[in-house]
C-alpha atoms as a PDB file:
ATOM      1  CA  MET A   1      -4.784  53.241   3.920  1.00  0.00           C
ATOM      2  CA  ILE A   2      -2.115  51.643   1.748  1.00  0.00           C
ATOM      3  CA  LYS A   3       0.367  51.777   4.665  1.00  0.00           C
ATOM      4  CA  HIS A   4      -2.038  49.791   6.850  1.00  0.00           C
ATOM      5  CA  SER A   5      -2.624  47.160   4.163  1.00  0.00           C
ATOM      6  CA  PHE A   6       1.108  46.783   3.565  1.00  0.00           C
ATOM      7  CA  ALA A   7       1.827  46.569   7.300  1.00  0.00           C
ATOM      8  CA  GLY A   8      -0.890  43.938   7.730  1.00  0.00           C
ATOM      9  CA  ALA A   9       0.447  41.871   4.839  1.00  0.00           C
ATOM     10  CA  LEU A  10       3.997  42.156   6.168  1.00  0.00           C
ATOM     11  CA  PHE A  11       2.890  41.110   9.668  1.00  0.00           C
ATOM     12  CA  ALA A  12       0.940  38.126   8.313  1.00  0.00           C
ATOM     13  CA  SER A  13       3.948  37.051   6.265  1.00  0.00           C
ATOM     14  CA  LEU A  14       6.247  37.267   9.297  1.00  0.00           C
ATOM     15  CA  ILE A  15       3.852  35.209  11.413  1.00  0.00           C
ATOM     16  CA  ALA A  16       3.532  32.573   8.692  1.00  0.00           C
ATOM     17  CA  THR A  17       7.291  32.084   8.535  1.00  0.00           C
ATOM     18  CA  ALA A  18       7.950  32.322  12.286  1.00  0.00           C
ATOM     19  CA  VAL A  19       5.263  29.922  13.538  1.00  0.00           C
ATOM     20  CA  PRO A  20       5.600  26.299  12.350  1.00  0.00           C
ATOM     21  CA  SER A  21       2.488  24.723  10.923  1.00  0.00           C
ATOM     22  CA  ALA A  22       0.809  21.763  12.598  1.00  0.00           C
ATOM     23  CA  ALA A  23       2.132  19.507   9.817  1.00  0.00           C
ATOM     24  CA  GLN A  24       5.705  20.623  10.525  1.00  0.00           C
ATOM     25  CA  VAL A  25       5.327  20.025  14.273  1.00  0.00           C
ATOM     26  CA  GLU A  26       3.726  16.615  13.689  1.00  0.00           C
ATOM     27  CA  ALA A  27       6.563  15.623  11.371  1.00  0.00           C
ATOM     28  CA  GLN A  28       9.047  16.315  14.174  1.00  0.00           C
ATOM     29  CA  VAL A  29       7.169  14.212  16.764  1.00  0.00           C
ATOM     30  CA  GLU A  30       7.438  10.433  16.572  1.00  0.00           C
ATOM     31  CA  ALA A  31       5.868   7.951  19.010  1.00  0.00           C
ATOM     32  CA  LYS A  32       7.110   4.376  19.520  1.00  0.00           C
ATOM     33  CA  TRP A  33       6.290   1.551  21.938  1.00  0.00           C
ATOM     34  CA  PHE A  34       8.595   0.821  24.870  1.00  0.00           C
ATOM     35  CA  VAL A  35       8.723  -1.420  27.913  1.00  0.00           C
ATOM     36  CA  LEU A  36       9.273   0.762  30.978  1.00  0.00           C
ATOM     37  CA  ARG A  37      10.495  -0.497  34.347  1.00  0.00           C
ATOM     38  CA  ASN A  38      10.275   1.121  37.758  1.00  0.00           C
ATOM     39  CA  HIS A  39      13.770   0.391  39.046  1.00  0.00           C
ATOM     40  CA  GLU A  40      12.731   0.627  42.713  1.00  0.00           C
ATOM     41  CA  VAL A  41      10.013  -2.037  42.746  1.00  0.00           C
ATOM     42  CA  GLY A  42      10.608  -3.869  39.465  1.00  0.00           C
ATOM     43  CA  ASN A  43       7.175  -3.359  37.930  1.00  0.00           C
ATOM     44  CA  CYS A  44       7.135  -3.176  34.134  1.00  0.00           C
ATOM     45  CA  TRP A  45       4.550  -2.001  31.626  1.00  0.00           C
ATOM     46  CA  THR A  46       4.245  -0.988  27.997  1.00  0.00           C
ATOM     47  CA  ALA A  47       3.771   2.613  26.908  1.00  0.00           C
ATOM     48  CA  THR A  48       4.257   4.874  23.948  1.00  0.00           C
ATOM     49  CA  LEU A  49       6.897   7.539  24.236  1.00  0.00           C
ATOM     50  CA  VAL A  50       7.220  10.606  22.076  1.00  0.00           C
ATOM     51  CA  ARG A  51      10.482  11.488  20.392  1.00  0.00           C
ATOM     52  CA  LEU A  52      11.367  15.153  20.732  1.00  0.00           C
ATOM     53  CA  ASP A  53      14.677  16.609  19.629  1.00  0.00           C
ATOM     54  CA  GLY A  54      16.050  13.134  18.973  1.00  0.00           C
ATOM     55  CA  GLN A  55      15.222  11.682  22.414  1.00  0.00           C
ATOM     56  CA  TYR A  56      12.315   9.539  23.585  1.00  0.00           C
ATOM     57  CA  THR A  57      11.041  11.239  26.711  1.00  0.00           C
ATOM     58  CA  SER A  58       9.849   9.618  29.928  1.00  0.00           C
ATOM     59  CA  THR A  59       9.787  10.506  33.603  1.00  0.00           C
ATOM     60  CA  PHE A  60      11.703   8.472  36.185  1.00  0.00           C
ATOM     61  CA  GLU A  61      11.061   5.063  34.623  1.00  0.00           C
ATOM     62  CA  ARG A  62      13.923   3.268  32.942  1.00  0.00           C
ATOM     63  CA  LYS A  63      13.536   1.834  29.481  1.00  0.00           C
ATOM     64  CA  ALA A  64      13.680  -1.964  29.519  1.00  0.00           C
ATOM     65  CA  GLY A  65      13.035  -2.441  25.821  1.00  0.00           C
ATOM     66  CA  GLY A  66      12.306  -0.516  22.675  1.00  0.00           C
ATOM     67  CA  PRO A  67      11.663   1.336  20.584  1.00  0.00           C
ATOM     68  CA  TYR A  68       9.149  -0.984  18.945  1.00  0.00           C
ATOM     69  CA  ALA A  69       6.842  -0.239  16.037  1.00  0.00           C
ATOM     70  CA  THR A  70       3.868  -2.122  17.522  1.00  0.00           C
ATOM     71  CA  GLU A  71       2.354  -2.836  20.904  1.00  0.00           C
ATOM     72  CA  GLU A  72       2.589  -6.576  20.181  1.00  0.00           C
ATOM     73  CA  GLN A  73       6.396  -6.316  19.942  1.00  0.00           C
ATOM     74  CA  ALA A  74       6.529  -4.441  23.255  1.00  0.00           C
ATOM     75  CA  LEU A  75       4.262  -7.032  24.914  1.00  0.00           C
ATOM     76  CA  ALA A  76       6.517  -9.856  23.686  1.00  0.00           C
ATOM     77  CA  ARG A  77       9.510  -8.100  25.274  1.00  0.00           C
ATOM     78  CA  LEU A  78       7.537  -7.573  28.488  1.00  0.00           C
ATOM     79  CA  LYS A  79       6.730 -11.298  28.603  1.00  0.00           C
ATOM     80  CA  SER A  80      10.372 -12.289  28.132  1.00  0.00           C
ATOM     81  CA  LEU A  81      11.478  -9.856  30.866  1.00  0.00           C
ATOM     82  CA  SER A  82       8.852 -11.297  33.209  1.00  0.00           C
ATOM     83  CA  ASP A  83       9.876 -14.872  32.329  1.00  0.00           C
ATOM     84  CA  GLU A  84      13.531 -14.153  33.161  1.00  0.00           C
ATOM     85  CA  GLY A  85      12.632 -12.389  36.439  1.00  0.00           C
ATOM     86  CA  THR A  86      13.675  -8.874  35.458  1.00  0.00           C
ATOM     87  CA  CYS A  87      10.087  -7.622  35.796  1.00  0.00           C
ATOM     88  CA  ASN A  88       7.600  -8.442  38.529  1.00  0.00           C
ATOM     89  CA  SER A  89       4.562 -10.198  37.149  1.00  0.00           C
ATOM     90  CA  GLY A  90       1.985  -8.442  39.231  1.00  0.00           C
END
């Protein structure tokens, strides 16, 4: 009986150290606002991207501005890109 209790405690301790807690995972993930641009058609939009392993991830879109702390900052960049013709307005 003591062997089973010790084995269970050892297993639980190994799991606790091997699996990061939700707080640890959340501390490693950081989201910021960006302006993204589809380079084929020129459409732009704002979005939040998540930073994983030091990089902000996205799919095929190119970043046209950011990172920004707030959506308002990203929208201001989007407006200036539209005003200068870099982004299509519709």
